[in-house]
Every structure is written in C-alpha cells, then in structure tokens.
Protein backbone atom coordinates (compact mmCIF):
# COMPACT_ATOMS: atom_id res chain seq x y z
CA UNK A 1 196.54 247.04 99.68
CA UNK A 2 195.41 243.64 98.21
CA UNK A 3 194.28 243.57 94.64
CA UNK A 4 190.32 243.22 94.17
CA UNK A 5 189.70 240.22 91.82
CA UNK A 6 186.52 239.96 89.91
CA UNK A 7 185.23 237.31 87.40
CA UNK A 8 184.24 238.38 84.11
CA UNK A 9 182.28 235.79 81.96
CA UNK A 10 182.01 235.58 78.40
CA UNK A 11 178.46 234.43 78.75
CA UNK A 12 176.86 231.42 77.46
CA UNK A 13 173.39 232.43 78.71
CA UNK A 14 170.88 234.48 76.76
CA UNK A 15 168.87 236.22 79.44
CA UNK A 16 171.03 238.15 81.54
CA UNK A 17 170.48 241.91 82.28
CA UNK A 18 173.05 244.67 83.51
CA UNK A 19 172.10 245.78 87.04
CA UNK A 20 173.33 249.26 86.15
CA UNK A 21 172.02 250.28 82.72
CA UNK A 22 169.27 247.53 82.52
CA UNK A 23 170.62 246.43 78.84
CA UNK A 24 170.44 242.64 77.94
CA UNK A 25 173.98 241.16 77.76
CA UNK A 26 174.25 239.03 74.43
CA UNK A 27 175.66 235.52 74.46
CA UNK A 28 179.54 235.69 74.23
CA UNK A 29 179.72 239.31 75.75
CA UNK A 30 181.33 240.13 79.04
CA UNK A 31 179.25 239.83 82.20
CA UNK A 32 180.85 241.07 85.39
CA UNK A 33 179.64 238.85 88.24
CA UNK A 34 180.53 236.28 90.94
CA UNK A 35 178.88 233.84 88.57
CA UNK A 36 176.41 233.59 85.80
CA UNK A 37 173.86 232.80 88.52
CA UNK A 38 174.49 236.12 90.42
CA UNK A 39 173.44 239.83 89.52
CA UNK A 40 176.13 241.59 87.63
CA UNK A 41 176.73 244.34 85.02
CA UNK A 42 177.75 244.59 81.28
CA UNK A 43 181.47 245.41 80.68
CA UNK A 44 180.77 249.14 79.83
CA UNK A 45 179.25 249.62 83.35
CA UNK A 46 182.06 247.89 84.98
CA UNK A 47 185.27 249.43 86.43
CA UNK A 48 187.42 247.51 83.96
CA UNK A 49 186.88 249.93 80.67
CA UNK A 50 190.42 250.71 79.87
CA UNK A 51 192.19 247.86 81.29
CA UNK A 52 194.30 245.44 79.22
CA UNK A 53 193.94 241.77 78.76
CA UNK A 54 197.00 239.90 79.71
CA UNK A 55 196.57 236.25 78.02
CA UNK A 56 197.40 233.19 80.01
CA UNK A 57 200.49 231.00 79.85
CA UNK A 58 203.00 233.12 81.89
CA UNK A 59 202.66 232.27 85.45
CA UNK A 60 205.15 235.03 86.61
CA UNK A 61 203.52 237.84 84.50
CA UNK A 62 200.02 236.78 85.59
CA UNK A 63 200.94 236.81 89.36
CA UNK A 64 202.93 239.96 89.06
CA UNK A 65 200.63 242.11 86.98
CA UNK A 66 197.69 241.14 89.42
CA UNK A 67 199.94 242.49 92.33
CA UNK A 68 200.51 245.77 90.65
CA UNK A 69 196.98 246.26 89.72
CA UNK A 70 194.12 247.98 91.83
CA UNK A 71 191.63 245.63 90.16
CA UNK A 72 191.92 242.28 88.36
CA UNK A 73 189.22 240.93 86.12
CA UNK A 74 189.43 237.12 85.47
CA UNK A 75 188.21 236.38 82.09
CA UNK A 76 186.34 232.98 81.75
CA UNK A 77 184.87 231.56 78.65
CA UNK A 78 182.75 228.38 78.34
CA UNK A 79 184.18 225.33 77.02
CA UNK A 80 181.30 223.36 75.21
CA UNK A 81 183.22 220.07 75.03
CA UNK A 82 184.26 220.07 78.59
CA UNK A 83 181.19 221.64 80.00
CA UNK A 84 183.01 224.16 82.22
CA UNK A 85 184.40 227.64 82.23
CA UNK A 86 188.14 227.98 81.50
CA UNK A 87 190.48 230.92 82.13
CA UNK A 88 191.16 233.21 79.11
CA UNK A 89 193.35 235.74 80.81
CA UNK A 90 192.92 238.71 83.04
CA UNK A 91 192.23 242.39 82.69
CA UNK A 92 194.53 244.55 84.62
CA UNK A 93 196.11 247.98 84.05
CA UNK A 94 198.43 248.60 81.49
CA UNK A 95 201.08 250.02 84.02
CA UNK A 96 200.71 246.94 86.01
CA UNK A 97 201.86 244.74 83.03
CA UNK A 98 204.73 247.05 82.16
CA UNK A 99 205.87 246.71 85.77
CA UNK A 100 205.54 243.08 85.75
CA UNK A 101 207.39 242.77 82.56
CA UNK A 102 210.25 244.62 83.93
CA UNK A 103 210.40 242.31 87.04
CA UNK A 104 210.36 239.38 84.83
CA UNK A 105 213.31 240.54 82.91
CA UNK A 106 215.39 241.42 85.85
CA UNK A 107 215.12 237.96 87.48
CA UNK A 108 214.60 235.68 84.27
CA UNK A 109 217.89 233.65 84.76
CA UNK A 110 216.89 233.00 88.68
CA UNK A 111 213.47 231.89 87.80
CA UNK A 112 214.64 229.66 84.83
CA UNK A 113 217.13 227.89 87.10
CA UNK A 114 214.31 227.31 89.81
CA UNK A 115 212.03 226.21 86.99
CA UNK A 116 214.39 223.61 85.63
CA UNK A 117 215.19 222.27 89.09
CA UNK A 118 211.40 221.98 89.81
CA UNK A 119 210.84 220.29 86.45
CA UNK A 120 213.59 217.72 87.33
CA UNK A 121 211.86 217.06 90.68
CA UNK A 122 208.23 216.72 89.10
CA UNK A 123 209.59 214.31 86.60
CA UNK A 124 211.12 212.16 89.25
CA UNK A 125 208.01 212.16 91.46
CA UNK A 126 205.90 211.19 88.19
CA UNK A 127 208.07 208.31 87.37
CA UNK A 128 207.54 207.14 90.91
CA UNK A 129 203.97 207.49 90.83
CA UNK A 130 203.63 205.64 87.48
CA UNK A 131 205.85 202.84 88.96
CA UNK A 132 203.72 202.59 92.22
CA UNK A 133 200.49 202.51 90.09
CA UNK A 134 202.04 199.58 88.12
CA UNK A 135 202.57 197.72 91.55
CA UNK A 136 198.96 198.43 92.43
CA UNK A 137 197.74 196.95 89.28
CA UNK A 138 200.06 193.84 89.75
CA UNK A 139 198.84 193.52 93.36
CA UNK A 140 195.13 193.62 92.05
CA UNK A 141 195.66 191.73 88.86
CA UNK A 142 198.46 189.02 89.90
CA UNK A 143 197.91 187.03 86.86
CA UNK A 144 198.06 189.67 84.07
CA UNK A 145 200.77 189.26 81.56
CA UNK A 146 204.43 189.84 82.54
CA UNK A 147 205.34 193.53 82.66
CA UNK A 148 201.82 194.48 81.40
CA UNK A 149 201.14 196.31 84.51
CA UNK A 150 203.85 199.06 83.40
CA UNK A 151 202.29 199.37 79.98
CA UNK A 152 198.95 200.07 81.60
CA UNK A 153 200.16 202.54 84.03
CA UNK A 154 202.15 204.50 81.58
CA UNK A 155 199.06 204.87 79.38
CA UNK A 156 196.71 205.62 82.10
CA UNK A 157 198.79 208.05 83.77
CA UNK A 158 200.16 210.02 80.80
CA UNK A 159 200.40 213.73 81.57
CA UNK A 160 197.90 215.96 80.37
CA UNK A 161 195.91 213.03 78.95
CA UNK A 162 192.99 213.32 81.23
CA UNK A 163 192.94 209.52 81.60
CA UNK A 164 191.89 207.83 84.72
CA UNK A 165 195.39 207.70 86.23
CA UNK A 166 195.48 211.42 86.55
CA UNK A 167 192.35 211.76 88.70
CA UNK A 168 192.62 212.36 92.36
CA UNK A 169 191.24 209.02 93.36
CA UNK A 170 193.81 207.13 91.13
CA UNK A 171 196.66 208.93 92.96
CA UNK A 172 195.13 207.17 96.09
CA UNK A 173 195.29 203.98 94.28
CA UNK A 174 191.68 203.55 94.66
CA UNK A 175 190.68 200.00 93.33
CA UNK A 176 187.93 201.27 91.24
CA UNK A 177 190.42 203.57 89.36
CA UNK A 178 192.87 200.69 88.91
CA UNK A 179 189.90 198.41 87.64
CA UNK A 180 188.97 201.18 85.03
CA UNK A 181 192.70 201.57 83.79
CA UNK A 182 192.86 197.78 83.28
CA UNK A 183 189.54 197.48 81.75
CA UNK A 184 190.48 200.31 79.20
CA UNK A 185 193.59 198.52 78.36
CA UNK A 186 191.91 195.15 77.80
CA UNK A 187 189.17 196.86 75.85
CA UNK A 188 191.63 198.18 73.28
CA UNK A 189 194.21 195.41 73.11
CA UNK A 190 192.42 192.23 73.90
CA UNK A 191 189.15 192.58 72.04
CA UNK A 192 187.95 193.72 68.63
CA UNK A 193 186.50 196.98 70.08
CA UNK A 194 188.76 199.24 67.81
CA UNK A 195 187.87 197.41 64.76
CA UNK A 196 183.98 197.77 64.99
CA UNK A 197 184.18 201.51 64.47
CA UNK A 198 183.01 202.82 61.20
CA UNK A 199 180.66 199.96 60.60
CA UNK A 200 177.49 201.63 61.53
CA UNK A 201 177.39 200.97 65.22
CA UNK A 202 177.14 203.40 67.87
CA UNK A 203 179.86 203.46 70.62
CA UNK A 204 177.40 202.44 73.28
CA UNK A 205 176.74 199.29 71.21
CA UNK A 206 180.25 198.42 70.48
CA UNK A 207 180.98 198.76 74.41
CA UNK A 208 178.15 196.26 75.02
CA UNK A 209 179.50 193.87 72.49
CA UNK A 210 182.83 193.60 74.13
CA UNK A 211 181.70 193.77 77.87
CA UNK A 212 181.47 190.06 78.29
CA UNK A 213 185.04 189.39 76.68
CA UNK A 214 186.48 192.09 79.05
CA UNK A 215 184.88 190.59 81.95
CA UNK A 216 186.31 187.18 81.24
CA UNK A 217 189.71 188.33 80.77
CA UNK A 218 189.67 190.42 83.92
CA UNK A 219 188.74 187.24 86.06
CA UNK A 220 191.43 185.46 84.40
CA UNK A 221 194.01 188.14 85.48
CA UNK A 222 192.78 188.38 89.06
C-alpha cells in the first residue's frame, strides 16, 4: 500500500483555524493542510502525533523511511529572504526510520559506488554545459575580449550560486539570459559599480549611474 503524504506548514499566517478543534493556529506552529490557503488542522488534531521528524540531507533515508511509514508529513517552513516554503524534513513512524537505517547500512558500499559514478558524470556534463554557454556568449558577442567568454560562463554557471546561468532558460541558451550574464560581468569588471557602494547611494541609483557605460561596452562587444 502506498504511503499517504501530507504537507505540514510551519505557518507564516496569523488567521488560521483548526477545522477539528476550532482553535487558532499561531504563527510558526504546525498547520496540516494541502496549502495555507486550504482548510486544515492543528498538529494535535492531526494523525502525526507521535511521529518522528527525520531531517533532510540523506536522500536514501528520506525515500526509504517514507516507504515504510503509513503516513508521511512533509514539514515546510517559510523562507522570508527567498519568499517561498522550503522543506525541513518529514514526519514518519519511528519504526520506519529504523528499517530505513538498517537498509542503508546493508547497501552503503553499493550506494557510495553508484553515487561516485553519478558525481563524475554530473561533473563532466556540467563542464560541457559551461563550455557550450561560453560558445553561445562568443557567438552573440564576437568582439568581446579573448577568452572572456569562459570567465563569464564560469561565473554565471557556478553551481548552487543561483545566478542566471543556472536558470532553465539559460540552459536553453536563451539570448536574454546570455545578455544578463554578460551585462553582470561588464557591470562588475568594466565600470566603477562596485566602488560606489558605501557612499550613501542606493543600489538602484548606482545601477542607473552605470547603465549607459554598460550599454556602450555591450555594443562594442557585439
């Protein structure tokens, strides 16, 4: 029988009420529902009382403990900086965690071998992607300084950076994404943008100050 999965929000809203006991759910407390815009229950009225929180970070433990548990509560907390909910672990039965731990111990060597092979493949593909991104930059900006396209690509496509080179459109070599990557590089390396901070100006004002310089350089590189 498949595990039933349910979202558990560490809520950011102040006006949520449990549909079971009728009590208000305070900010930061657990709200069990499809989303914060749906009706749901407080934690005490949910079926997850007595379940154990398994933190994120181990994909095998996460997958296997869910498989062995009748219910799985995915705990989500609001990230104010990124303006989105992020996974903080899952609530599963304690026996499910123990079964998952034993399975992980038994095949640890095999999984490590597979993970190492997969990491090598990912690294190779990532280098190929950065190289192709650099070629796309050179094609769009044929007059940019020699080898500068590789410097721009490596920076824009750095892993886990959240920069433009890691977006879905950039991986399609979308011209707008390439423009943004080159523009960011020019802003930091060819203008006095970085030196204007700490002098009483807002970021928006500093960007406006260097916009014309960036536009001029981009035209020279095209």
